[in-house]
Amino acid sequence: MSLTNVQKKQYRNIGHTLNPVVTVAGNGLTESVLTEIDRALEDHELIKVRYSVVDREARYALIEETGKVLKAQVVQTIGKVALFHRAALEANPKLSNLLR
């Protein structure tokens, strides 16, 4: 499901105040990093991930791969930070960044 421009704008507004919950470093997308991002997406639905990779093309490739593997939409990328969205199966109003 693709996000509309109105949804992207709303999610960018919400994401502006969020801090990155996971950092992807030199080892790339390991199984533990993917598990942590998956858990955060299931809990919060909208998260920021920091990619500490110097090479721009490699960083964008990692961002795209993260979205494909976890079936998440890339809402926005600014520098080394990407904002991801994936609807939870059962949204928890206490944890979800979209329902607060």
PDB file of N, CA and C in Angstrom:
ATOM      1  N   MET A   1       0.843  -1.185   0.000  1.00  0.00           N
ATOM      2  CA  MET A   1       0.000   0.000   0.000  1.00  0.00           C
ATOM      3  C   MET A   1       0.882   1.239   0.000  1.00  0.00           C
ATOM      4  N   SER A   2       0.651   2.102  -0.924  1.00  0.00           N
ATOM      5  CA  SER A   2       1.417   3.330  -1.030  1.00  0.00           C
ATOM      6  C   SER A   2       0.762   4.424  -0.192  1.00  0.00           C
ATOM      7  N   LEU A   3       1.591   5.278   0.367  1.00  0.00           N
ATOM      8  CA  LEU A   3       1.083   6.376   1.185  1.00  0.00           C
ATOM      9  C   LEU A   3       0.711   7.560   0.296  1.00  0.00           C
ATOM     10  N   THR A   4      -0.363   8.236   0.637  1.00  0.00           N
ATOM     11  CA  THR A   4      -0.736   9.441  -0.088  1.00  0.00           C
ATOM     12  C   THR A   4       0.145  10.600   0.378  1.00  0.00           C
ATOM     13  N   ASN A   5       0.129  11.677  -0.378  1.00  0.00           N
ATOM     14  CA  ASN A   5       0.926  12.847  -0.006  1.00  0.00           C
ATOM     15  C   ASN A   5       0.448  13.457   1.313  1.00  0.00           C
ATOM     16  N   VAL A   6      -0.851  13.405   1.568  1.00  0.00           N
ATOM     17  CA  VAL A   6      -1.397  13.933   2.822  1.00  0.00           C
ATOM     18  C   VAL A   6      -0.895  13.095   3.999  1.00  0.00           C
ATOM     19  N   GLN A   7      -0.900  11.761   3.842  1.00  0.00           N
ATOM     20  CA  GLN A   7      -0.409  10.885   4.898  1.00  0.00           C
ATOM     21  C   GLN A   7       1.077  11.115   5.145  1.00  0.00           C
ATOM     22  N   LYS A   8       1.853  11.231   4.065  1.00  0.00           N
ATOM     23  CA  LYS A   8       3.290  11.473   4.225  1.00  0.00           C
ATOM     24  C   LYS A   8       3.552  12.766   4.986  1.00  0.00           C
ATOM     25  N   LYS A   9       2.801  13.798   4.662  1.00  0.00           N
ATOM     26  CA  LYS A   9       2.982  15.078   5.345  1.00  0.00           C
ATOM     27  C   LYS A   9       2.640  14.941   6.828  1.00  0.00           C
ATOM     28  N   GLN A  10       1.552  14.235   7.130  1.00  0.00           N
ATOM     29  CA  GLN A  10       1.149  14.026   8.521  1.00  0.00           C
ATOM     30  C   GLN A  10       2.210  13.211   9.269  1.00  0.00           C
ATOM     31  N   TYR A  11       2.728  12.167   8.650  1.00  0.00           N
ATOM     32  CA  TYR A  11       3.736  11.328   9.283  1.00  0.00           C
ATOM     33  C   TYR A  11       5.058  12.076   9.469  1.00  0.00           C
ATOM     34  N   ARG A  12       5.407  12.933   8.519  1.00  0.00           N
ATOM     35  CA  ARG A  12       6.626  13.751   8.677  1.00  0.00           C
ATOM     36  C   ARG A  12       6.477  14.700   9.851  1.00  0.00           C
ATOM     37  N   ASN A  13       5.272  15.278  10.023  1.00  0.00           N
ATOM     38  CA  ASN A  13       5.016  16.153  11.170  1.00  0.00           C
ATOM     39  C   ASN A  13       5.192  15.392  12.478  1.00  0.00           C
ATOM     40  N   ILE A  14       4.633  14.201  12.556  1.00  0.00           N
ATOM     41  CA  ILE A  14       4.754  13.385  13.767  1.00  0.00           C
ATOM     42  C   ILE A  14       6.210  12.969  13.969  1.00  0.00           C
ATOM     43  N   GLY A  15       6.870  12.572  12.894  1.00  0.00           N
ATOM     44  CA  GLY A  15       8.244  12.094  12.964  1.00  0.00           C
ATOM     45  C   GLY A  15       9.249  13.158  13.335  1.00  0.00           C
ATOM     46  N   HIS A  16       8.888  14.412  13.152  1.00  0.00           N
ATOM     47  CA  HIS A  16       9.804  15.513  13.462  1.00  0.00           C
ATOM     48  C   HIS A  16      10.251  15.487  14.919  1.00  0.00           C
ATOM     49  N   THR A  17       9.371  15.094  15.821  1.00  0.00           N
ATOM     50  CA  THR A  17       9.696  15.108  17.246  1.00  0.00           C
ATOM     51  C   THR A  17      10.284  13.781  17.732  1.00  0.00           C
ATOM     52  N   LEU A  18      10.301  12.758  16.885  1.00  0.00           N
ATOM     53  CA  LEU A  18      10.796  11.448  17.295  1.00  0.00           C
ATOM     54  C   LEU A  18      12.317  11.397  17.269  1.00  0.00           C
ATOM     55  N   ASN A  19      12.864  10.548  18.117  1.00  0.00           N
ATOM     56  CA  ASN A  19      14.295  10.269  18.111  1.00  0.00           C
ATOM     57  C   ASN A  19      14.518   8.905  17.466  1.00  0.00           C
ATOM     58  N   PRO A  20      15.684   8.692  16.838  1.00  0.00           N
ATOM     59  CA  PRO A  20      15.965   7.380  16.260  1.00  0.00           C
ATOM     60  C   PRO A  20      15.968   6.297  17.339  1.00  0.00           C
ATOM     61  N   VAL A  21      15.317   5.174  17.058  1.00  0.00           N
ATOM     62  CA  VAL A  21      15.225   4.092  18.030  1.00  0.00           C
ATOM     63  C   VAL A  21      16.263   3.004  17.770  1.00  0.00           C
ATOM     64  N   VAL A  22      16.792   2.942  16.553  1.00  0.00           N
ATOM     65  CA  VAL A  22      17.784   1.935  16.189  1.00  0.00           C
ATOM     66  C   VAL A  22      18.864   2.618  15.360  1.00  0.00           C
ATOM     67  N   THR A  23      20.110   2.186  15.559  1.00  0.00           N
ATOM     68  CA  THR A  23      21.215   2.682  14.757  1.00  0.00           C
ATOM     69  C   THR A  23      21.827   1.519  13.995  1.00  0.00           C
ATOM     70  N   VAL A  24      21.931   1.684  12.680  1.00  0.00           N
ATOM     71  CA  VAL A  24      22.573   0.685  11.833  1.00  0.00           C
ATOM     72  C   VAL A  24      23.991   1.189  11.586  1.00  0.00           C
ATOM     73  N   ALA A  25      24.985   0.406  12.023  1.00  0.00           N
ATOM     74  CA  ALA A  25      26.385   0.838  11.929  1.00  0.00           C
ATOM     75  C   ALA A  25      27.119   0.049  10.853  1.00  0.00           C
ATOM     76  N   GLY A  26      28.404  -0.092  11.016  1.00  0.00           N
ATOM     77  CA  GLY A  26      29.274  -0.689  10.006  1.00  0.00           C
ATOM     78  C   GLY A  26      28.965  -2.130   9.650  1.00  0.00           C
ATOM     79  N   ASN A  27      28.357  -2.895  10.550  1.00  0.00           N
ATOM     80  CA  ASN A  27      28.037  -4.291  10.251  1.00  0.00           C
ATOM     81  C   ASN A  27      26.824  -4.431   9.341  1.00  0.00           C
ATOM     82  N   GLY A  28      26.112  -3.351   9.109  1.00  0.00           N
ATOM     83  CA  GLY A  28      24.960  -3.388   8.209  1.00  0.00           C
ATOM     84  C   GLY A  28      23.727  -3.980   8.859  1.00  0.00           C
ATOM     85  N   LEU A  29      22.892  -4.598   8.047  1.00  0.00           N
ATOM     86  CA  LEU A  29      21.619  -5.144   8.514  1.00  0.00           C
ATOM     87  C   LEU A  29      21.803  -6.578   9.004  1.00  0.00           C
ATOM     88  N   THR A  30      22.231  -6.710  10.233  1.00  0.00           N
ATOM     89  CA  THR A  30      22.358  -8.034  10.831  1.00  0.00           C
ATOM     90  C   THR A  30      20.983  -8.513  11.268  1.00  0.00           C
ATOM     91  N   GLU A  31      20.913  -9.776  11.621  1.00  0.00           N
ATOM     92  CA  GLU A  31      19.634 -10.361  12.045  1.00  0.00           C
ATOM     93  C   GLU A  31      19.095  -9.669  13.296  1.00  0.00           C
ATOM     94  N   SER A  32      19.978  -9.335  14.229  1.00  0.00           N
ATOM     95  CA  SER A  32      19.532  -8.685  15.463  1.00  0.00           C
ATOM     96  C   SER A  32      19.031  -7.270  15.207  1.00  0.00           C
ATOM     97  N   VAL A  33      19.668  -6.558  14.284  1.00  0.00           N
ATOM     98  CA  VAL A  33      19.218  -5.199  13.948  1.00  0.00           C
ATOM     99  C   VAL A  33      17.851  -5.258  13.281  1.00  0.00           C
ATOM    100  N   LEU A  34      17.667  -6.188  12.360  1.00  0.00           N
ATOM    101  CA  LEU A  34      16.372  -6.330  11.690  1.00  0.00           C
ATOM    102  C   LEU A  34      15.277  -6.730  12.674  1.00  0.00           C
ATOM    103  N   THR A  35      15.614  -7.582  13.631  1.00  0.00           N
ATOM    104  CA  THR A  35      14.645  -7.983  14.641  1.00  0.00           C
ATOM    105  C   THR A  35      14.224  -6.793  15.488  1.00  0.00           C
ATOM    106  N   GLU A  36      15.189  -5.965  15.867  1.00  0.00           N
ATOM    107  CA  GLU A  36      14.884  -4.794  16.690  1.00  0.00           C
ATOM    108  C   GLU A  36      14.037  -3.769  15.923  1.00  0.00           C
ATOM    109  N   ILE A  37      14.362  -3.546  14.657  1.00  0.00           N
ATOM    110  CA  ILE A  37      13.566  -2.620  13.840  1.00  0.00           C
ATOM    111  C   ILE A  37      12.149  -3.166  13.666  1.00  0.00           C
ATOM    112  N   ASP A  38      12.028  -4.472  13.433  1.00  0.00           N
ATOM    113  CA  ASP A  38      10.717  -5.101  13.279  1.00  0.00           C
ATOM    114  C   ASP A  38       9.885  -4.942  14.553  1.00  0.00           C
ATOM    115  N   ARG A  39      10.491  -5.170  15.714  1.00  0.00           N
ATOM    116  CA  ARG A  39       9.787  -5.018  16.984  1.00  0.00           C
ATOM    117  C   ARG A  39       9.340  -3.581  17.189  1.00  0.00           C
ATOM    118  N   ALA A  40      10.226  -2.626  16.881  1.00  0.00           N
ATOM    119  CA  ALA A  40       9.885  -1.214  17.045  1.00  0.00           C
ATOM    120  C   ALA A  40       8.754  -0.806  16.106  1.00  0.00           C
ATOM    121  N   LEU A  41       8.776  -1.302  14.879  1.00  0.00           N
ATOM    122  CA  LEU A  41       7.689  -0.990  13.940  1.00  0.00           C
ATOM    123  C   LEU A  41       6.368  -1.576  14.411  1.00  0.00           C
ATOM    124  N   GLU A  42       6.409  -2.778  14.953  1.00  0.00           N
ATOM    125  CA  GLU A  42       5.178  -3.403  15.435  1.00  0.00           C
ATOM    126  C   GLU A  42       4.612  -2.637  16.631  1.00  0.00           C
ATOM    127  N   ASP A  43       5.480  -2.137  17.495  1.00  0.00           N
ATOM    128  CA  ASP A  43       5.031  -1.389  18.673  1.00  0.00           C
ATOM    129  C   ASP A  43       4.599   0.031  18.333  1.00  0.00           C
ATOM    130  N   HIS A  44       5.423   0.739  17.556  1.00  0.00           N
ATOM    131  CA  HIS A  44       5.243   2.187  17.378  1.00  0.00           C
ATOM    132  C   HIS A  44       4.659   2.603  16.034  1.00  0.00           C
ATOM    133  N   GLU A  45       4.708   1.749  15.039  1.00  0.00           N
ATOM    134  CA  GLU A  45       4.178   1.990  13.688  1.00  0.00           C
ATOM    135  C   GLU A  45       4.961   3.034  12.888  1.00  0.00           C
ATOM    136  N   LEU A  46       5.509   4.027  13.531  1.00  0.00           N
ATOM    137  CA  LEU A  46       6.273   5.080  12.857  1.00  0.00           C
ATOM    138  C   LEU A  46       7.551   5.279  13.649  1.00  0.00           C
ATOM    139  N   ILE A  47       8.709   4.982  13.018  1.00  0.00           N
ATOM    140  CA  ILE A  47       9.973   5.075  13.744  1.00  0.00           C
ATOM    141  C   ILE A  47      11.042   5.738  12.879  1.00  0.00           C
ATOM    142  N   LYS A  48      12.069   6.236  13.557  1.00  0.00           N
ATOM    143  CA  LYS A  48      13.256   6.741  12.885  1.00  0.00           C
ATOM    144  C   LYS A  48      14.392   5.760  13.108  1.00  0.00           C
ATOM    145  N   VAL A  49      15.189   5.576  12.065  1.00  0.00           N
ATOM    146  CA  VAL A  49      16.366   4.720  12.135  1.00  0.00           C
ATOM    147  C   VAL A  49      17.560   5.534  11.636  1.00  0.00           C
ATOM    148  N   ARG A  50      18.650   5.520  12.404  1.00  0.00           N
ATOM    149  CA  ARG A  50      19.879   6.224  12.018  1.00  0.00           C
ATOM    150  C   ARG A  50      20.823   5.226  11.352  1.00  0.00           C
ATOM    151  N   TYR A  51      21.384   5.616  10.212  1.00  0.00           N
ATOM    152  CA  TYR A  51      22.336   4.797   9.472  1.00  0.00           C
ATOM    153  C   TYR A  51      23.697   5.474   9.551  1.00  0.00           C
ATOM    154  N   SER A  52      24.618   4.898  10.314  1.00  0.00           N
ATOM    155  CA  SER A  52      25.957   5.464  10.487  1.00  0.00           C
ATOM    156  C   SER A  52      26.902   4.909   9.430  1.00  0.00           C
ATOM    157  N   VAL A  53      26.547   5.127   8.187  1.00  0.00           N
ATOM    158  CA  VAL A  53      27.345   4.681   7.045  1.00  0.00           C
ATOM    159  C   VAL A  53      27.758   5.925   6.278  1.00  0.00           C
ATOM    160  N   VAL A  54      29.052   6.054   6.009  1.00  0.00           N
ATOM    161  CA  VAL A  54      29.573   7.265   5.378  1.00  0.00           C
ATOM    162  C   VAL A  54      29.173   7.358   3.906  1.00  0.00           C
ATOM    163  N   ASP A  55      29.288   6.245   3.175  1.00  0.00           N
ATOM    164  CA  ASP A  55      29.003   6.250   1.737  1.00  0.00           C
ATOM    165  C   ASP A  55      27.507   6.439   1.479  1.00  0.00           C
ATOM    166  N   ARG A  56      27.162   7.483   0.726  1.00  0.00           N
ATOM    167  CA  ARG A  56      25.765   7.837   0.482  1.00  0.00           C
ATOM    168  C   ARG A  56      25.005   6.750  -0.263  1.00  0.00           C
ATOM    169  N   GLU A  57      25.608   6.195  -1.316  1.00  0.00           N
ATOM    170  CA  GLU A  57      24.925   5.162  -2.096  1.00  0.00           C
ATOM    171  C   GLU A  57      24.691   3.914  -1.259  1.00  0.00           C
ATOM    172  N   ALA A  58      25.672   3.538  -0.453  1.00  0.00           N
ATOM    173  CA  ALA A  58      25.514   2.365   0.416  1.00  0.00           C
ATOM    174  C   ALA A  58      24.428   2.612   1.458  1.00  0.00           C
ATOM    175  N   ARG A  59      24.367   3.835   1.973  1.00  0.00           N
ATOM    176  CA  ARG A  59      23.344   4.185   2.966  1.00  0.00           C
ATOM    177  C   ARG A  59      21.945   4.084   2.356  1.00  0.00           C
ATOM    178  N   TYR A  60      21.759   4.642   1.158  1.00  0.00           N
ATOM    179  CA  TYR A  60      20.450   4.568   0.506  1.00  0.00           C
ATOM    180  C   TYR A  60      20.082   3.130   0.147  1.00  0.00           C
ATOM    181  N   ALA A  61      21.074   2.319  -0.213  1.00  0.00           N
ATOM    182  CA  ALA A  61      20.810   0.912  -0.499  1.00  0.00           C
ATOM    183  C   ALA A  61      20.350   0.187   0.766  1.00  0.00           C
ATOM    184  N   LEU A  62      20.966   0.493   1.910  1.00  0.00           N
ATOM    185  CA  LEU A  62      20.553  -0.107   3.176  1.00  0.00           C
ATOM    186  C   LEU A  62      19.143   0.318   3.562  1.00  0.00           C
ATOM    187  N   ILE A  63      18.815   1.585   3.321  1.00  0.00           N
ATOM    188  CA  ILE A  63      17.469   2.078   3.641  1.00  0.00           C
ATOM    189  C   ILE A  63      16.429   1.352   2.794  1.00  0.00           C
ATOM    190  N   GLU A  64      16.693   1.223   1.508  1.00  0.00           N
ATOM    191  CA  GLU A  64      15.759   0.523   0.621  1.00  0.00           C
ATOM    192  C   GLU A  64      15.631  -0.949   1.003  1.00  0.00           C
ATOM    193  N   GLU A  65      16.759  -1.574   1.347  1.00  0.00           N
ATOM    194  CA  GLU A  65      16.726  -2.978   1.733  1.00  0.00           C
ATOM    195  C   GLU A  65      15.937  -3.177   3.029  1.00  0.00           C
ATOM    196  N   THR A  66      16.095  -2.261   3.965  1.00  0.00           N
ATOM    197  CA  THR A  66      15.335  -2.332   5.219  1.00  0.00           C
ATOM    198  C   THR A  66      13.838  -2.282   4.932  1.00  0.00           C
ATOM    199  N   GLY A  67      13.434  -1.355   4.078  1.00  0.00           N
ATOM    200  CA  GLY A  67      12.017  -1.241   3.731  1.00  0.00           C
ATOM    201  C   GLY A  67      11.474  -2.489   3.065  1.00  0.00           C
ATOM    202  N   LYS A  68      12.258  -3.079   2.159  1.00  0.00           N
ATOM    203  CA  LYS A  68      11.805  -4.280   1.454  1.00  0.00           C
ATOM    204  C   LYS A  68      11.724  -5.481   2.381  1.00  0.00           C
ATOM    205  N   VAL A  69      12.762  -5.688   3.188  1.00  0.00           N
ATOM    206  CA  VAL A  69      12.807  -6.861   4.059  1.00  0.00           C
ATOM    207  C   VAL A  69      11.693  -6.818   5.097  1.00  0.00           C
ATOM    208  N   LEU A  70      11.442  -5.639   5.657  1.00  0.00           N
ATOM    209  CA  LEU A  70      10.455  -5.514   6.734  1.00  0.00           C
ATOM    210  C   LEU A  70       9.073  -5.090   6.240  1.00  0.00           C
ATOM    211  N   LYS A  71       8.921  -4.933   4.923  1.00  0.00           N
ATOM    212  CA  LYS A  71       7.648  -4.521   4.325  1.00  0.00           C
ATOM    213  C   LYS A  71       7.136  -3.220   4.946  1.00  0.00           C
ATOM    214  N   ALA A  72       8.045  -2.246   5.019  1.00  0.00           N
ATOM    215  CA  ALA A  72       7.731  -0.940   5.601  1.00  0.00           C
ATOM    216  C   ALA A  72       7.898   0.137   4.533  1.00  0.00           C
ATOM    217  N   GLN A  73       7.129   1.193   4.671  1.00  0.00           N
ATOM    218  CA  GLN A  73       7.200   2.327   3.751  1.00  0.00           C
ATOM    219  C   GLN A  73       8.251   3.321   4.253  1.00  0.00           C
ATOM    220  N   VAL A  74       9.100   3.784   3.347  1.00  0.00           N
ATOM    221  CA  VAL A  74      10.039   4.850   3.686  1.00  0.00           C
ATOM    222  C   VAL A  74       9.283   6.160   3.497  1.00  0.00           C
ATOM    223  N   VAL A  75       9.032   6.867   4.595  1.00  0.00           N
ATOM    224  CA  VAL A  75       8.278   8.117   4.534  1.00  0.00           C
ATOM    225  C   VAL A  75       9.199   9.258   4.132  1.00  0.00           C
ATOM    226  N   GLN A  76      10.407   9.282   4.723  1.00  0.00           N
ATOM    227  CA  GLN A  76      11.312  10.399   4.481  1.00  0.00           C
ATOM    228  C   GLN A  76      12.729   9.983   4.847  1.00  0.00           C
ATOM    229  N   THR A  77      13.703  10.519   4.119  1.00  0.00           N
ATOM    230  CA  THR A  77      15.100  10.370   4.502  1.00  0.00           C
ATOM    231  C   THR A  77      15.731  11.751   4.515  1.00  0.00           C
ATOM    232  N   ILE A  78      16.410  12.047   5.599  1.00  0.00           N
ATOM    233  CA  ILE A  78      17.161  13.293   5.718  1.00  0.00           C
ATOM    234  C   ILE A  78      18.535  12.934   6.245  1.00  0.00           C
ATOM    235  N   GLY A  79      19.539  13.113   5.413  1.00  0.00           N
ATOM    236  CA  GLY A  79      20.896  12.787   5.828  1.00  0.00           C
ATOM    237  C   GLY A  79      21.025  11.316   6.167  1.00  0.00           C
ATOM    238  N   LYS A  80      21.385  11.037   7.403  1.00  0.00           N
ATOM    239  CA  LYS A  80      21.604   9.661   7.837  1.00  0.00           C
ATOM    240  C   LYS A  80      20.418   9.070   8.589  1.00  0.00           C
ATOM    241  N   VAL A  81      19.282   9.740   8.576  1.00  0.00           N
ATOM    242  CA  VAL A  81      18.110   9.286   9.319  1.00  0.00           C
ATOM    243  C   VAL A  81      16.958   9.014   8.345  1.00  0.00           C
ATOM    244  N   ALA A  82      16.319   7.855   8.533  1.00  0.00           N
ATOM    245  CA  ALA A  82      15.167   7.485   7.705  1.00  0.00           C
ATOM    246  C   ALA A  82      13.949   7.295   8.600  1.00  0.00           C
ATOM    247  N   LEU A  83      12.802   7.708   8.099  1.00  0.00           N
ATOM    248  CA  LEU A  83      11.534   7.574   8.808  1.00  0.00           C
ATOM    249  C   LEU A  83      10.731   6.472   8.123  1.00  0.00           C
ATOM    250  N   PHE A  84      10.372   5.423   8.891  1.00  0.00           N
ATOM    251  CA  PHE A  84       9.658   4.273   8.359  1.00  0.00           C
ATOM    252  C   PHE A  84       8.264   4.185   8.957  1.00  0.00           C
ATOM    253  N   HIS A  85       7.331   3.666   8.152  1.00  0.00           N
ATOM    254  CA  HIS A  85       5.967   3.422   8.618  1.00  0.00           C
ATOM    255  C   HIS A  85       5.543   2.028   8.203  1.00  0.00           C
ATOM    256  N   ARG A  86       4.927   1.337   9.146  1.00  0.00           N
ATOM    257  CA  ARG A  86       4.272   0.066   8.853  1.00  0.00           C
ATOM    258  C   ARG A  86       3.121  -0.085   9.836  1.00  0.00           C
ATOM    259  N   ALA A  87       1.934  -0.302   9.316  1.00  0.00           N
ATOM    260  CA  ALA A  87       0.759  -0.439  10.173  1.00  0.00           C
ATOM    261  C   ALA A  87       0.875  -1.713  11.007  1.00  0.00           C
ATOM    262  N   ALA A  88       0.570  -1.593  12.286  1.00  0.00           N
ATOM    263  CA  ALA A  88       0.619  -2.739  13.189  1.00  0.00           C
ATOM    264  C   ALA A  88      -0.627  -3.592  13.008  1.00  0.00           C
ATOM    265  N   LEU A  89      -0.496  -4.875  13.318  1.00  0.00           N
ATOM    266  CA  LEU A  89      -1.650  -5.763  13.240  1.00  0.00           C
ATOM    267  C   LEU A  89      -2.692  -5.371  14.279  1.00  0.00           C
ATOM    268  N   GLU A  90      -2.220  -5.107  15.496  1.00  0.00           N
ATOM    269  CA  GLU A  90      -3.091  -4.620  16.562  1.00  0.00           C
ATOM    270  C   GLU A  90      -2.397  -3.415  17.197  1.00  0.00           C
ATOM    271  N   ALA A  91      -2.859  -2.233  16.854  1.00  0.00           N
ATOM    272  CA  ALA A  91      -2.217  -1.014  17.346  1.00  0.00           C
ATOM    273  C   ALA A  91      -2.497  -0.821  18.836  1.00  0.00           C
ATOM    274  N   ASN A  92      -1.449  -0.568  19.588  1.00  0.00           N
ATOM    275  CA  ASN A  92      -1.552  -0.300  21.019  1.00  0.00           C
ATOM    276  C   ASN A  92      -1.523   1.217  21.208  1.00  0.00           C
ATOM    277  N   PRO A  93      -2.603   1.822  21.685  1.00  0.00           N
ATOM    278  CA  PRO A  93      -2.647   3.279  21.814  1.00  0.00           C
ATOM    279  C   PRO A  93      -1.583   3.852  22.755  1.00  0.00           C
ATOM    280  N   LYS A  94      -1.091   3.032  23.676  1.00  0.00           N
ATOM    281  CA  LYS A  94      -0.068   3.515  24.608  1.00  0.00           C
ATOM    282  C   LYS A  94       1.315   3.555  23.970  1.00  0.00           C
ATOM    283  N   LEU A  95       1.553   2.747  22.934  1.00  0.00           N
ATOM    284  CA  LEU A  95       2.850   2.675  22.303  1.00  0.00           C
ATOM    285  C   LEU A  95       2.907   3.339  20.940  1.00  0.00           C
ATOM    286  N   SER A  96       1.819   3.323  20.212  1.00  0.00           N
ATOM    287  CA  SER A  96       1.817   3.803  18.832  1.00  0.00           C
ATOM    288  C   SER A  96       2.089   5.299  18.754  1.00  0.00           C
ATOM    289  N   ASN A  97       2.996   5.685  17.869  1.00  0.00           N
ATOM    290  CA  ASN A  97       3.279   7.100  17.651  1.00  0.00           C
ATOM    291  C   ASN A  97       2.176   7.773  16.845  1.00  0.00           C
ATOM    292  N   LEU A  98       1.334   6.997  16.194  1.00  0.00           N
ATOM    293  CA  LEU A  98       0.254   7.559  15.382  1.00  0.00           C
ATOM    294  C   LEU A  98      -1.021   7.788  16.166  1.00  0.00           C
ATOM    295  N   LEU A  99      -1.208   7.060  17.246  1.00  0.00           N
ATOM    296  CA  LEU A  99      -2.452   7.160  18.016  1.00  0.00           C
ATOM    297  C   LEU A  99      -2.329   8.034  19.257  1.00  0.00           C
ATOM    298  N   ARG A 100      -1.130   8.494  19.574  1.00  0.00           N
ATOM    299  CA  ARG A 100      -0.952   9.328  20.755  1.00  0.00           C
ATOM    300  C   ARG A 100      -1.372  10.738  20.503  1.00  0.00           C
TER     301      ARG A 100
END
